[in-house]
Amino acid sequence: MDVVREIQTAVATGKVVLGSKETIKAVVNGEAKLVIIASNAPERIRRDIERYCSIAGTPIYRFPGTSWDLGAVCNRPFMVAAMAVIDPGESGILEVAKV
């Protein structure tokens, strides 16, 4: 599975939220089906997201690239430390949680 292509498809056809604050909000509200965290996300943000995800039972995928890479994959000109998939759309992104 090409994770980059699946993320791009989810961004284009589904519903995702970008940024650590919005991601935490989506997890707390029970909307997030999957959380993706960049490999270089700040320790405090990573810890907070992992804690909320463990409470909510939301799977986490650690994106192997940096936050700049994740932003580029999402077709955004800024860093994205974390993102939450609310609706995968036509993508198979939720399958990465099972790998």
PDB file of N, CA and C in Angstrom:
ATOM      1  N   MET A   1       0.839  -1.185   0.000  1.00  0.00           N
ATOM      2  CA  MET A   1       0.000   0.000   0.000  1.00  0.00           C
ATOM      3  C   MET A   1       0.880   1.242   0.000  1.00  0.00           C
ATOM      4  N   ASP A   2       0.544   2.170  -0.895  1.00  0.00           N
ATOM      5  CA  ASP A   2       1.262   3.434  -0.969  1.00  0.00           C
ATOM      6  C   ASP A   2       0.579   4.433  -0.035  1.00  0.00           C
ATOM      7  N   VAL A   3       1.177   4.638   1.125  1.00  0.00           N
ATOM      8  CA  VAL A   3       0.576   5.486   2.156  1.00  0.00           C
ATOM      9  C   VAL A   3       0.423   6.925   1.674  1.00  0.00           C
ATOM     10  N   VAL A   4       1.418   7.420   0.958  1.00  0.00           N
ATOM     11  CA  VAL A   4       1.361   8.803   0.470  1.00  0.00           C
ATOM     12  C   VAL A   4       0.154   8.986  -0.445  1.00  0.00           C
ATOM     13  N   ARG A   5      -0.041   8.051  -1.369  1.00  0.00           N
ATOM     14  CA  ARG A   5      -1.176   8.147  -2.292  1.00  0.00           C
ATOM     15  C   ARG A   5      -2.507   8.059  -1.541  1.00  0.00           C
ATOM     16  N   GLU A   6      -2.565   7.192  -0.545  1.00  0.00           N
ATOM     17  CA  GLU A   6      -3.803   7.045   0.233  1.00  0.00           C
ATOM     18  C   GLU A   6      -4.112   8.316   1.030  1.00  0.00           C
ATOM     19  N   ILE A   7      -3.077   8.953   1.591  1.00  0.00           N
ATOM     20  CA  ILE A   7      -3.285  10.220   2.310  1.00  0.00           C
ATOM     21  C   ILE A   7      -3.794  11.282   1.348  1.00  0.00           C
ATOM     22  N   GLN A   8      -3.179  11.353   0.168  1.00  0.00           N
ATOM     23  CA  GLN A   8      -3.608  12.345  -0.820  1.00  0.00           C
ATOM     24  C   GLN A   8      -5.051  12.110  -1.251  1.00  0.00           C
ATOM     25  N   THR A   9      -5.428  10.849  -1.410  1.00  0.00           N
ATOM     26  CA  THR A   9      -6.809  10.525  -1.788  1.00  0.00           C
ATOM     27  C   THR A   9      -7.774  10.896  -0.669  1.00  0.00           C
ATOM     28  N   ALA A  10      -7.385  10.625   0.579  1.00  0.00           N
ATOM     29  CA  ALA A  10      -8.237  10.982   1.720  1.00  0.00           C
ATOM     30  C   ALA A  10      -8.429  12.493   1.804  1.00  0.00           C
ATOM     31  N   VAL A  11      -7.367  13.248   1.552  1.00  0.00           N
ATOM     32  CA  VAL A  11      -7.458  14.711   1.605  1.00  0.00           C
ATOM     33  C   VAL A  11      -8.369  15.216   0.479  1.00  0.00           C
ATOM     34  N   ALA A  12      -8.259  14.584  -0.699  1.00  0.00           N
ATOM     35  CA  ALA A  12      -9.029  15.044  -1.859  1.00  0.00           C
ATOM     36  C   ALA A  12     -10.496  14.618  -1.808  1.00  0.00           C
ATOM     37  N   THR A  13     -10.781  13.390  -1.358  1.00  0.00           N
ATOM     38  CA  THR A  13     -12.149  12.869  -1.468  1.00  0.00           C
ATOM     39  C   THR A  13     -12.864  12.707  -0.131  1.00  0.00           C
ATOM     40  N   GLY A  14     -12.118  12.730   0.965  1.00  0.00           N
ATOM     41  CA  GLY A  14     -12.734  12.524   2.270  1.00  0.00           C
ATOM     42  C   GLY A  14     -12.714  13.787   3.100  1.00  0.00           C
ATOM     43  N   LYS A  15     -12.687  13.597   4.405  1.00  0.00           N
ATOM     44  CA  LYS A  15     -12.617  14.741   5.317  1.00  0.00           C
ATOM     45  C   LYS A  15     -11.493  14.491   6.303  1.00  0.00           C
ATOM     46  N   VAL A  16     -10.546  15.417   6.356  1.00  0.00           N
ATOM     47  CA  VAL A  16      -9.433  15.341   7.300  1.00  0.00           C
ATOM     48  C   VAL A  16      -9.287  16.689   7.982  1.00  0.00           C
ATOM     49  N   VAL A  17      -8.714  16.669   9.174  1.00  0.00           N
ATOM     50  CA  VAL A  17      -8.361  17.920   9.841  1.00  0.00           C
ATOM     51  C   VAL A  17      -6.850  17.931  10.019  1.00  0.00           C
ATOM     52  N   LEU A  18      -6.269  19.103   9.837  1.00  0.00           N
ATOM     53  CA  LEU A  18      -4.821  19.256   9.912  1.00  0.00           C
ATOM     54  C   LEU A  18      -4.445  20.069  11.142  1.00  0.00           C
ATOM     55  N   GLY A  19      -3.327  19.709  11.735  1.00  0.00           N
ATOM     56  CA  GLY A  19      -2.825  20.440  12.890  1.00  0.00           C
ATOM     57  C   GLY A  19      -3.088  19.685  14.181  1.00  0.00           C
ATOM     58  N   SER A  20      -2.204  19.865  15.136  1.00  0.00           N
ATOM     59  CA  SER A  20      -2.294  19.099  16.380  1.00  0.00           C
ATOM     60  C   SER A  20      -3.511  19.479  17.220  1.00  0.00           C
ATOM     61  N   LYS A  21      -3.847  20.765  17.287  1.00  0.00           N
ATOM     62  CA  LYS A  21      -4.997  21.174  18.093  1.00  0.00           C
ATOM     63  C   LYS A  21      -6.301  20.624  17.522  1.00  0.00           C
ATOM     64  N   GLU A  22      -6.459  20.727  16.211  1.00  0.00           N
ATOM     65  CA  GLU A  22      -7.669  20.215  15.559  1.00  0.00           C
ATOM     66  C   GLU A  22      -7.727  18.696  15.641  1.00  0.00           C
ATOM     67  N   THR A  23      -6.567  18.050  15.571  1.00  0.00           N
ATOM     68  CA  THR A  23      -6.514  16.588  15.676  1.00  0.00           C
ATOM     69  C   THR A  23      -6.962  16.142  17.060  1.00  0.00           C
ATOM     70  N   ILE A  24      -6.444  16.789  18.097  1.00  0.00           N
ATOM     71  CA  ILE A  24      -6.840  16.442  19.468  1.00  0.00           C
ATOM     72  C   ILE A  24      -8.337  16.671  19.648  1.00  0.00           C
ATOM     73  N   LYS A  25      -8.853  17.773  19.093  1.00  0.00           N
ATOM     74  CA  LYS A  25     -10.283  18.072  19.195  1.00  0.00           C
ATOM     75  C   LYS A  25     -11.117  16.965  18.533  1.00  0.00           C
ATOM     76  N   ALA A  26     -10.671  16.496  17.370  1.00  0.00           N
ATOM     77  CA  ALA A  26     -11.403  15.441  16.658  1.00  0.00           C
ATOM     78  C   ALA A  26     -11.368  14.127  17.428  1.00  0.00           C
ATOM     79  N   VAL A  27     -10.231  13.825  18.071  1.00  0.00           N
ATOM     80  CA  VAL A  27     -10.115  12.587  18.856  1.00  0.00           C
ATOM     81  C   VAL A  27     -11.015  12.669  20.084  1.00  0.00           C
ATOM     82  N   VAL A  28     -10.979  13.784  20.785  1.00  0.00           N
ATOM     83  CA  VAL A  28     -11.789  13.959  21.998  1.00  0.00           C
ATOM     84  C   VAL A  28     -13.277  13.876  21.674  1.00  0.00           C
ATOM     85  N   ASN A  29     -13.681  14.424  20.527  1.00  0.00           N
ATOM     86  CA  ASN A  29     -15.090  14.406  20.126  1.00  0.00           C
ATOM     87  C   ASN A  29     -15.512  13.066  19.522  1.00  0.00           C
ATOM     88  N   GLY A  30     -14.570  12.144  19.370  1.00  0.00           N
ATOM     89  CA  GLY A  30     -14.893  10.832  18.835  1.00  0.00           C
ATOM     90  C   GLY A  30     -15.089  10.808  17.329  1.00  0.00           C
ATOM     91  N   GLU A  31     -14.623  11.831  16.634  1.00  0.00           N
ATOM     92  CA  GLU A  31     -14.796  11.908  15.182  1.00  0.00           C
ATOM     93  C   GLU A  31     -13.673  11.235  14.416  1.00  0.00           C
ATOM     94  N   ALA A  32     -12.473  11.205  14.970  1.00  0.00           N
ATOM     95  CA  ALA A  32     -11.293  10.706  14.258  1.00  0.00           C
ATOM     96  C   ALA A  32     -11.315   9.187  14.153  1.00  0.00           C
ATOM     97  N   LYS A  33     -11.090   8.700  12.929  1.00  0.00           N
ATOM     98  CA  LYS A  33     -10.997   7.258  12.702  1.00  0.00           C
ATOM     99  C   LYS A  33      -9.535   6.808  12.682  1.00  0.00           C
ATOM    100  N   LEU A  34      -8.633   7.749  12.384  1.00  0.00           N
ATOM    101  CA  LEU A  34      -7.202   7.477  12.329  1.00  0.00           C
ATOM    102  C   LEU A  34      -6.461   8.789  12.545  1.00  0.00           C
ATOM    103  N   VAL A  35      -5.356   8.717  13.283  1.00  0.00           N
ATOM    104  CA  VAL A  35      -4.504   9.893  13.485  1.00  0.00           C
ATOM    105  C   VAL A  35      -3.155   9.598  12.856  1.00  0.00           C
ATOM    106  N   ILE A  36      -2.630  10.559  12.123  1.00  0.00           N
ATOM    107  CA  ILE A  36      -1.313  10.431  11.492  1.00  0.00           C
ATOM    108  C   ILE A  36      -0.416  11.502  12.094  1.00  0.00           C
ATOM    109  N   ILE A  37       0.747  11.074  12.598  1.00  0.00           N
ATOM    110  CA  ILE A  37       1.695  11.989  13.235  1.00  0.00           C
ATOM    111  C   ILE A  37       3.013  11.945  12.467  1.00  0.00           C
ATOM    112  N   ALA A  38       3.580  13.115  12.179  1.00  0.00           N
ATOM    113  CA  ALA A  38       4.876  13.200  11.503  1.00  0.00           C
ATOM    114  C   ALA A  38       5.979  12.687  12.428  1.00  0.00           C
ATOM    115  N   SER A  39       7.048  12.191  11.826  1.00  0.00           N
ATOM    116  CA  SER A  39       8.136  11.600  12.612  1.00  0.00           C
ATOM    117  C   SER A  39       8.848  12.615  13.499  1.00  0.00           C
ATOM    118  N   ASN A  40       8.833  13.889  13.108  1.00  0.00           N
ATOM    119  CA  ASN A  40       9.536  14.897  13.894  1.00  0.00           C
ATOM    120  C   ASN A  40       8.580  15.793  14.688  1.00  0.00           C
ATOM    121  N   ALA A  41       7.383  15.304  14.942  1.00  0.00           N
ATOM    122  CA  ALA A  41       6.426  16.091  15.743  1.00  0.00           C
ATOM    123  C   ALA A  41       7.036  16.329  17.124  1.00  0.00           C
ATOM    124  N   PRO A  42       6.832  17.506  17.687  1.00  0.00           N
ATOM    125  CA  PRO A  42       7.384  17.792  19.015  1.00  0.00           C
ATOM    126  C   PRO A  42       6.919  16.769  20.057  1.00  0.00           C
ATOM    127  N   GLU A  43       7.802  16.435  20.974  1.00  0.00           N
ATOM    128  CA  GLU A  43       7.545  15.405  21.982  1.00  0.00           C
ATOM    129  C   GLU A  43       6.262  15.673  22.767  1.00  0.00           C
ATOM    130  N   ARG A  44       6.041  16.908  23.166  1.00  0.00           N
ATOM    131  CA  ARG A  44       4.854  17.257  23.944  1.00  0.00           C
ATOM    132  C   ARG A  44       3.577  16.992  23.149  1.00  0.00           C
ATOM    133  N   ILE A  45       3.569  17.385  21.892  1.00  0.00           N
ATOM    134  CA  ILE A  45       2.390  17.178  21.043  1.00  0.00           C
ATOM    135  C   ILE A  45       2.168  15.686  20.822  1.00  0.00           C
ATOM    136  N   ARG A  46       3.234  14.957  20.533  1.00  0.00           N
ATOM    137  CA  ARG A  46       3.131  13.519  20.293  1.00  0.00           C
ATOM    138  C   ARG A  46       2.572  12.805  21.522  1.00  0.00           C
ATOM    139  N   ARG A  47       3.082  13.171  22.695  1.00  0.00           N
ATOM    140  CA  ARG A  47       2.616  12.562  23.952  1.00  0.00           C
ATOM    141  C   ARG A  47       1.137  12.841  24.193  1.00  0.00           C
ATOM    142  N   ASP A  48       0.727  14.112  23.996  1.00  0.00           N
ATOM    143  CA  ASP A  48      -0.677  14.481  24.197  1.00  0.00           C
ATOM    144  C   ASP A  48      -1.591  13.698  23.257  1.00  0.00           C
ATOM    145  N   ILE A  49      -1.229  13.649  21.991  1.00  0.00           N
ATOM    146  CA  ILE A  49      -2.062  12.949  21.009  1.00  0.00           C
ATOM    147  C   ILE A  49      -2.124  11.462  21.333  1.00  0.00           C
ATOM    148  N   GLU A  50      -0.988  10.863  21.692  1.00  0.00           N
ATOM    149  CA  GLU A  50      -0.981   9.436  22.028  1.00  0.00           C
ATOM    150  C   GLU A  50      -1.858   9.153  23.245  1.00  0.00           C
ATOM    151  N   ARG A  51      -1.828  10.041  24.222  1.00  0.00           N
ATOM    152  CA  ARG A  51      -2.650   9.850  25.422  1.00  0.00           C
ATOM    153  C   ARG A  51      -4.137   9.899  25.079  1.00  0.00           C
ATOM    154  N   TYR A  52      -4.556  10.918  24.329  1.00  0.00           N
ATOM    155  CA  TYR A  52      -5.962  11.035  23.951  1.00  0.00           C
ATOM    156  C   TYR A  52      -6.399   9.869  23.062  1.00  0.00           C
ATOM    157  N   CYS A  53      -5.527   9.442  22.158  1.00  0.00           N
ATOM    158  CA  CYS A  53      -5.869   8.324  21.265  1.00  0.00           C
ATOM    159  C   CYS A  53      -6.015   7.020  22.042  1.00  0.00           C
ATOM    160  N   SER A  54      -5.178   6.812  23.043  1.00  0.00           N
ATOM    161  CA  SER A  54      -5.291   5.579  23.820  1.00  0.00           C
ATOM    162  C   SER A  54      -6.591   5.559  24.625  1.00  0.00           C
ATOM    163  N   ILE A  55      -7.008   6.705  25.123  1.00  0.00           N
ATOM    164  CA  ILE A  55      -8.270   6.792  25.863  1.00  0.00           C
ATOM    165  C   ILE A  55      -9.453   6.542  24.918  1.00  0.00           C
ATOM    166  N   ALA A  56      -9.400   7.141  23.727  1.00  0.00           N
ATOM    167  CA  ALA A  56     -10.513   7.039  22.781  1.00  0.00           C
ATOM    168  C   ALA A  56     -10.471   5.760  21.951  1.00  0.00           C
ATOM    169  N   GLY A  57      -9.335   5.062  21.968  1.00  0.00           N
ATOM    170  CA  GLY A  57      -9.203   3.855  21.155  1.00  0.00           C
ATOM    171  C   GLY A  57      -8.997   4.159  19.678  1.00  0.00           C
ATOM    172  N   THR A  58      -8.426   5.302  19.380  1.00  0.00           N
ATOM    173  CA  THR A  58      -8.174   5.707  17.997  1.00  0.00           C
ATOM    174  C   THR A  58      -6.792   5.246  17.560  1.00  0.00           C
ATOM    175  N   PRO A  59      -6.686   4.566  16.418  1.00  0.00           N
ATOM    176  CA  PRO A  59      -5.369   4.117  15.955  1.00  0.00           C
ATOM    177  C   PRO A  59      -4.489   5.279  15.511  1.00  0.00           C
ATOM    178  N   ILE A  60      -3.170   5.093  15.664  1.00  0.00           N
ATOM    179  CA  ILE A  60      -2.187   6.110  15.288  1.00  0.00           C
ATOM    180  C   ILE A  60      -1.245   5.511  14.253  1.00  0.00           C
ATOM    181  N   TYR A  61      -0.944   6.306  13.220  1.00  0.00           N
ATOM    182  CA  TYR A  61       0.064   5.913  12.237  1.00  0.00           C
ATOM    183  C   TYR A  61       1.178   6.939  12.297  1.00  0.00           C
ATOM    184  N   ARG A  62       2.403   6.472  12.468  1.00  0.00           N
ATOM    185  CA  ARG A  62       3.556   7.367  12.500  1.00  0.00           C
ATOM    186  C   ARG A  62       4.109   7.517  11.086  1.00  0.00           C
ATOM    187  N   PHE A  63       3.868   8.685  10.505  1.00  0.00           N
ATOM    188  CA  PHE A  63       4.326   8.977   9.148  1.00  0.00           C
ATOM    189  C   PHE A  63       5.845   9.027   9.145  1.00  0.00           C
ATOM    190  N   PRO A  64       6.507   8.314   8.234  1.00  0.00           N
ATOM    191  CA  PRO A  64       7.971   8.252   8.275  1.00  0.00           C
ATOM    192  C   PRO A  64       8.682   9.547   7.901  1.00  0.00           C
ATOM    193  N   GLY A  65       7.989  10.478   7.271  1.00  0.00           N
ATOM    194  CA  GLY A  65       8.609  11.740   6.875  1.00  0.00           C
ATOM    195  C   GLY A  65       8.450  12.820   7.932  1.00  0.00           C
ATOM    196  N   THR A  66       9.011  13.968   7.627  1.00  0.00           N
ATOM    197  CA  THR A  66       8.942  15.111   8.541  1.00  0.00           C
ATOM    198  C   THR A  66       7.595  15.810   8.400  1.00  0.00           C
ATOM    199  N   SER A  67       7.389  16.820   9.238  1.00  0.00           N
ATOM    200  CA  SER A  67       6.149  17.587   9.157  1.00  0.00           C
ATOM    201  C   SER A  67       6.080  18.384   7.849  1.00  0.00           C
ATOM    202  N   TRP A  68       7.222  18.770   7.300  1.00  0.00           N
ATOM    203  CA  TRP A  68       7.230  19.423   5.983  1.00  0.00           C
ATOM    204  C   TRP A  68       6.767  18.432   4.922  1.00  0.00           C
ATOM    205  N   ASP A  69       7.247  17.187   5.023  1.00  0.00           N
ATOM    206  CA  ASP A  69       6.843  16.148   4.071  1.00  0.00           C
ATOM    207  C   ASP A  69       5.348  15.876   4.159  1.00  0.00           C
ATOM    208  N   LEU A  70       4.826  15.780   5.380  1.00  0.00           N
ATOM    209  CA  LEU A  70       3.397  15.518   5.564  1.00  0.00           C
ATOM    210  C   LEU A  70       2.567  16.680   5.016  1.00  0.00           C
ATOM    211  N   GLY A  71       3.039  17.901   5.219  1.00  0.00           N
ATOM    212  CA  GLY A  71       2.356  19.067   4.644  1.00  0.00           C
ATOM    213  C   GLY A  71       2.341  19.017   3.126  1.00  0.00           C
ATOM    214  N   ALA A  72       3.464  18.605   2.530  1.00  0.00           N
ATOM    215  CA  ALA A  72       3.547  18.499   1.065  1.00  0.00           C
ATOM    216  C   ALA A  72       2.616  17.411   0.542  1.00  0.00           C
ATOM    217  N   VAL A  73       2.527  16.295   1.260  1.00  0.00           N
ATOM    218  CA  VAL A  73       1.630  15.204   0.864  1.00  0.00           C
ATOM    219  C   VAL A  73       0.183  15.690   0.884  1.00  0.00           C
ATOM    220  N   CYS A  74      -0.146  16.533   1.862  1.00  0.00           N
ATOM    221  CA  CYS A  74      -1.505  17.080   1.982  1.00  0.00           C
ATOM    222  C   CYS A  74      -1.726  18.260   1.046  1.00  0.00           C
ATOM    223  N   ASN A  75      -0.713  18.580   0.227  1.00  0.00           N
ATOM    224  CA  ASN A  75      -0.773  19.685  -0.732  1.00  0.00           C
ATOM    225  C   ASN A  75      -0.950  21.030  -0.029  1.00  0.00           C
ATOM    226  N   ARG A  76      -0.251  21.197   1.079  1.00  0.00           N
ATOM    227  CA  ARG A  76      -0.300  22.445   1.838  1.00  0.00           C
ATOM    228  C   ARG A  76       1.118  23.032   1.907  1.00  0.00           C
ATOM    229  N   PRO A  77       1.251  24.363   1.839  1.00  0.00           N
ATOM    230  CA  PRO A  77       2.583  24.978   1.869  1.00  0.00           C
ATOM    231  C   PRO A  77       3.096  25.244   3.286  1.00  0.00           C
ATOM    232  N   PHE A  78       2.720  24.408   4.238  1.00  0.00           N
ATOM    233  CA  PHE A  78       3.167  24.593   5.612  1.00  0.00           C
ATOM    234  C   PHE A  78       3.350  23.231   6.279  1.00  0.00           C
ATOM    235  N   MET A  79       3.966  23.249   7.455  1.00  0.00           N
ATOM    236  CA  MET A  79       4.210  22.007   8.182  1.00  0.00           C
ATOM    237  C   MET A  79       2.916  21.471   8.770  1.00  0.00           C
ATOM    238  N   VAL A  80       2.786  20.146   8.764  1.00  0.00           N
ATOM    239  CA  VAL A  80       1.640  19.479   9.384  1.00  0.00           C
ATOM    240  C   VAL A  80       2.216  18.429  10.326  1.00  0.00           C
ATOM    241  N   ALA A  81       2.175  18.701  11.615  1.00  0.00           N
ATOM    242  CA  ALA A  81       2.722  17.764  12.598  1.00  0.00           C
ATOM    243  C   ALA A  81       1.779  16.589  12.818  1.00  0.00           C
ATOM    244  N   ALA A  82       0.479  16.848  12.722  1.00  0.00           N
ATOM    245  CA  ALA A  82      -0.508  15.786  12.948  1.00  0.00           C
ATOM    246  C   ALA A  82      -1.755  16.068  12.130  1.00  0.00           C
ATOM    247  N   MET A  83      -2.446  14.986  11.783  1.00  0.00           N
ATOM    248  CA  MET A  83      -3.713  15.107  11.075  1.00  0.00           C
ATOM    249  C   MET A  83      -4.631  13.978  11.498  1.00  0.00           C
ATOM    250  N   ALA A  84      -5.917  14.220  11.426  1.00  0.00           N
ATOM    251  CA  ALA A  84      -6.909  13.205  11.775  1.00  0.00           C
ATOM    252  C   ALA A  84      -7.786  12.944  10.560  1.00  0.00           C
ATOM    253  N   VAL A  85      -8.038  11.664  10.299  1.00  0.00           N
ATOM    254  CA  VAL A  85      -8.935  11.274   9.217  1.00  0.00           C
ATOM    255  C   VAL A  85     -10.326  11.114   9.823  1.00  0.00           C
ATOM    256  N   ILE A  86     -11.240  11.965   9.408  1.00  0.00           N
ATOM    257  CA  ILE A  86     -12.625  11.905   9.868  1.00  0.00           C
ATOM    258  C   ILE A  86     -13.419  10.962   8.961  1.00  0.00           C
ATOM    259  N   ASP A  87     -13.277  11.173   7.651  1.00  0.00           N
ATOM    260  CA  ASP A  87     -13.928  10.337   6.646  1.00  0.00           C
ATOM    261  C   ASP A  87     -12.871   9.996   5.593  1.00  0.00           C
ATOM    262  N   PRO A  88     -12.571   8.711   5.365  1.00  0.00           N
ATOM    263  CA  PRO A  88     -11.518   8.345   4.426  1.00  0.00           C
ATOM    264  C   PRO A  88     -11.872   8.589   2.966  1.00  0.00           C
ATOM    265  N   GLY A  89     -13.122   8.855   2.657  1.00  0.00           N
ATOM    266  CA  GLY A  89     -13.510   9.080   1.266  1.00  0.00           C
ATOM    267  C   GLY A  89     -13.277   7.819   0.455  1.00  0.00           C
ATOM    268  N   GLU A  90     -12.634   7.959  -0.690  1.00  0.00           N
ATOM    269  CA  GLU A  90     -12.375   6.826  -1.578  1.00  0.00           C
ATOM    270  C   GLU A  90     -11.031   6.151  -1.287  1.00  0.00           C
ATOM    271  N   SER A  91     -10.339   6.595  -0.254  1.00  0.00           N
ATOM    272  CA  SER A  91      -9.017   6.050   0.047  1.00  0.00           C
ATOM    273  C   SER A  91      -9.126   4.808   0.932  1.00  0.00           C
ATOM    274  N   GLY A  92      -8.044   4.068   0.953  1.00  0.00           N
ATOM    275  CA  GLY A  92      -7.952   2.913   1.838  1.00  0.00           C
ATOM    276  C   GLY A  92      -7.037   3.209   3.014  1.00  0.00           C
ATOM    277  N   ILE A  93      -6.995   4.462   3.428  1.00  0.00           N
ATOM    278  CA  ILE A  93      -6.054   4.910   4.464  1.00  0.00           C
ATOM    279  C   ILE A  93      -6.270   4.204   5.802  1.00  0.00           C
ATOM    280  N   LEU A  94      -7.480   3.788   6.089  1.00  0.00           N
ATOM    281  CA  LEU A  94      -7.732   3.132   7.374  1.00  0.00           C
ATOM    282  C   LEU A  94      -7.047   1.772   7.460  1.00  0.00           C
ATOM    283  N   GLU A  95      -6.619   1.232   6.321  1.00  0.00           N
ATOM    284  CA  GLU A  95      -5.914  -0.047   6.318  1.00  0.00           C
ATOM    285  C   GLU A  95      -4.523   0.057   6.937  1.00  0.00           C
ATOM    286  N   VAL A  96      -3.911   1.245   6.952  1.00  0.00           N
ATOM    287  CA  VAL A  96      -2.569   1.381   7.535  1.00  0.00           C
ATOM    288  C   VAL A  96      -2.619   1.169   9.038  1.00  0.00           C
ATOM    289  N   ALA A  97      -3.776   1.376   9.630  1.00  0.00           N
ATOM    290  CA  ALA A  97      -3.911   1.171  11.074  1.00  0.00           C
ATOM    291  C   ALA A  97      -3.832  -0.312  11.415  1.00  0.00           C
ATOM    292  N   LYS A  98      -4.129  -1.173  10.452  1.00  0.00           N
ATOM    293  CA  LYS A  98      -4.134  -2.610  10.706  1.00  0.00           C
ATOM    294  C   LYS A  98      -2.791  -3.249  10.411  1.00  0.00           C
ATOM    295  N   VAL A  99      -1.895  -2.488   9.748  1.00  0.00           N
ATOM    296  CA  VAL A  99      -0.580  -3.035   9.390  1.00  0.00           C
ATOM    297  C   VAL A  99       0.329  -3.111  10.584  1.00  0.00           C
TER     298      VAL A  99
END
